[in-house]
């Protein structure tokens, strides 16, 4: 698999998690403490996210790091709101 394919597939997973969570890119970026254009680039598959960024995204979705490497249909959405206790603190 080419590097570009990996980035695009990961971007789709993040986009699907965000849409399923019912939040905007701005909200996800705020909860993950990332710049919105960085999140947009990840979703479009043009950015190679760092491990720290992936960890921040997982924390924002209130899921484990490894969950973001599984197709969305294989995972359950967490019962807690996005960002857990961070909601409203951004």
C-alpha atoms as a PDB file:
ATOM      1  CA  UNK A   1       0.000   0.000   0.000  1.00  0.00           C
ATOM      2  CA  UNK A   2       1.303   3.421  -0.934  1.00  0.00           C
ATOM      3  CA  UNK A   3       1.907   6.120   1.699  1.00  0.00           C
ATOM      4  CA  UNK A   4      -0.747   8.319   0.065  1.00  0.00           C
ATOM      5  CA  UNK A   5      -3.333   5.524   0.382  1.00  0.00           C
ATOM      6  CA  UNK A   6      -2.578   5.189   4.105  1.00  0.00           C
ATOM      7  CA  UNK A   7      -2.981   8.926   4.654  1.00  0.00           C
ATOM      8  CA  UNK A   8      -6.258   8.997   2.705  1.00  0.00           C
ATOM      9  CA  UNK A   9      -7.698   5.997   4.574  1.00  0.00           C
ATOM     10  CA  UNK A  10      -6.729   7.464   7.949  1.00  0.00           C
ATOM     11  CA  UNK A  11      -8.211  10.809   6.928  1.00  0.00           C
ATOM     12  CA  UNK A  12     -11.499   9.123   6.062  1.00  0.00           C
ATOM     13  CA  UNK A  13     -11.571   7.410   9.458  1.00  0.00           C
ATOM     14  CA  UNK A  14     -11.078  10.751  11.234  1.00  0.00           C
ATOM     15  CA  UNK A  15     -13.711  12.430   9.060  1.00  0.00           C
ATOM     16  CA  UNK A  16     -16.183   9.608   9.723  1.00  0.00           C
ATOM     17  CA  UNK A  17     -15.568   9.770  13.491  1.00  0.00           C
ATOM     18  CA  UNK A  18     -16.089  13.526  13.411  1.00  0.00           C
ATOM     19  CA  UNK A  19     -19.313  13.301  11.418  1.00  0.00           C
ATOM     20  CA  UNK A  20     -20.638  10.480  13.582  1.00  0.00           C
ATOM     21  CA  UNK A  21     -19.842  12.653  16.617  1.00  0.00           C
ATOM     22  CA  UNK A  22     -21.819  15.501  15.053  1.00  0.00           C
ATOM     23  CA  UNK A  23     -19.096  18.129  15.385  1.00  0.00           C
ATOM     24  CA  UNK A  24     -17.371  20.528  13.026  1.00  0.00           C
ATOM     25  CA  UNK A  25     -13.686  20.591  12.135  1.00  0.00           C
ATOM     26  CA  UNK A  26     -13.371  23.694  14.302  1.00  0.00           C
ATOM     27  CA  UNK A  27     -14.778  21.867  17.318  1.00  0.00           C
ATOM     28  CA  UNK A  28     -12.570  18.816  16.766  1.00  0.00           C
ATOM     29  CA  UNK A  29      -9.500  21.020  16.345  1.00  0.00           C
ATOM     30  CA  UNK A  30     -10.341  22.893  19.532  1.00  0.00           C
ATOM     31  CA  UNK A  31     -10.864  19.715  21.571  1.00  0.00           C
ATOM     32  CA  UNK A  32      -7.681  18.151  20.164  1.00  0.00           C
ATOM     33  CA  UNK A  33      -5.738  21.402  20.596  1.00  0.00           C
ATOM     34  CA  UNK A  34      -4.750  21.365  16.928  1.00  0.00           C
ATOM     35  CA  UNK A  35      -5.107  23.996  14.218  1.00  0.00           C
ATOM     36  CA  UNK A  36      -8.261  23.594  12.120  1.00  0.00           C
ATOM     37  CA  UNK A  37      -6.324  23.553   8.841  1.00  0.00           C
ATOM     38  CA  UNK A  38      -4.157  20.738  10.244  1.00  0.00           C
ATOM     39  CA  UNK A  39      -7.320  18.704  10.972  1.00  0.00           C
ATOM     40  CA  UNK A  40      -8.659  19.555   7.508  1.00  0.00           C
ATOM     41  CA  UNK A  41      -5.410  18.384   5.886  1.00  0.00           C
ATOM     42  CA  UNK A  42      -5.556  15.111   7.833  1.00  0.00           C
ATOM     43  CA  UNK A  43      -9.159  14.519   6.732  1.00  0.00           C
ATOM     44  CA  UNK A  44      -8.276  15.238   3.095  1.00  0.00           C
ATOM     45  CA  UNK A  45      -5.380  12.781   3.285  1.00  0.00           C
ATOM     46  CA  UNK A  46      -2.685  15.317   2.440  1.00  0.00           C
ATOM     47  CA  UNK A  47      -1.131  15.577   5.918  1.00  0.00           C
ATOM     48  CA  UNK A  48       0.962  12.901   7.578  1.00  0.00           C
ATOM     49  CA  UNK A  49      -0.122  13.350  11.221  1.00  0.00           C
ATOM     50  CA  UNK A  50       2.353  12.899  14.035  1.00  0.00           C
ATOM     51  CA  UNK A  51       1.791  10.330  16.756  1.00  0.00           C
ATOM     52  CA  UNK A  52       1.147  13.181  19.181  1.00  0.00           C
ATOM     53  CA  UNK A  53      -1.576  14.555  16.914  1.00  0.00           C
ATOM     54  CA  UNK A  54      -3.196  11.138  16.585  1.00  0.00           C
ATOM     55  CA  UNK A  55      -3.109  10.796  20.359  1.00  0.00           C
ATOM     56  CA  UNK A  56      -4.790  14.212  20.716  1.00  0.00           C
ATOM     57  CA  UNK A  57      -7.482  13.231  18.210  1.00  0.00           C
ATOM     58  CA  UNK A  58      -8.139   9.980  20.066  1.00  0.00           C
ATOM     59  CA  UNK A  59      -8.430  11.894  23.335  1.00  0.00           C
ATOM     60  CA  UNK A  60     -10.838  14.378  21.727  1.00  0.00           C
ATOM     61  CA  UNK A  61     -13.031  11.481  20.559  1.00  0.00           C
ATOM     62  CA  UNK A  62     -12.633   9.783  23.949  1.00  0.00           C
ATOM     63  CA  UNK A  63     -11.354   6.562  22.333  1.00  0.00           C
ATOM     64  CA  UNK A  64      -8.112   4.616  22.483  1.00  0.00           C
ATOM     65  CA  UNK A  65      -5.244   5.436  20.140  1.00  0.00           C
ATOM     66  CA  UNK A  66      -5.619   2.091  18.350  1.00  0.00           C
ATOM     67  CA  UNK A  67      -9.333   2.674  17.702  1.00  0.00           C
ATOM     68  CA  UNK A  68      -8.462   5.324  15.131  1.00  0.00           C
ATOM     69  CA  UNK A  69      -6.695   2.666  13.062  1.00  0.00           C
ATOM     70  CA  UNK A  70      -9.824   0.533  12.750  1.00  0.00           C
ATOM     71  CA  UNK A  71     -12.580   1.118  10.215  1.00  0.00           C
ATOM     72  CA  UNK A  72     -15.404   3.092  11.836  1.00  0.00           C
ATOM     73  CA  UNK A  73     -17.961   0.355  11.260  1.00  0.00           C
ATOM     74  CA  UNK A  74     -15.843  -1.999  13.434  1.00  0.00           C
ATOM     75  CA  UNK A  75     -15.956   0.325  16.429  1.00  0.00           C
ATOM     76  CA  UNK A  76     -18.536   1.598  18.866  1.00  0.00           C
ATOM     77  CA  UNK A  77     -18.958   5.286  19.578  1.00  0.00           C
ATOM     78  CA  UNK A  78     -18.156   6.149  23.189  1.00  0.00           C
ATOM     79  CA  UNK A  79     -21.115   6.970  25.398  1.00  0.00           C
ATOM     80  CA  UNK A  80     -19.434  10.102  26.794  1.00  0.00           C
ATOM     81  CA  UNK A  81     -19.587  13.382  24.940  1.00  0.00           C
ATOM     82  CA  UNK A  82     -16.681  14.271  22.695  1.00  0.00           C
ATOM     83  CA  UNK A  83     -13.731  15.614  24.593  1.00  0.00           C
ATOM     84  CA  UNK A  84     -14.972  14.151  27.875  1.00  0.00           C
ATOM     85  CA  UNK A  85     -14.320  16.643  30.639  1.00  0.00           C
ATOM     86  CA  UNK A  86     -12.687  19.072  28.202  1.00  0.00           C
ATOM     87  CA  UNK A  87     -16.050  20.125  26.731  1.00  0.00           C
ATOM     88  CA  UNK A  88     -16.665  23.757  27.464  1.00  0.00           C
ATOM     89  CA  UNK A  89     -13.070  24.402  28.526  1.00  0.00           C
ATOM     90  CA  UNK A  90     -11.809  25.192  25.030  1.00  0.00           C
END
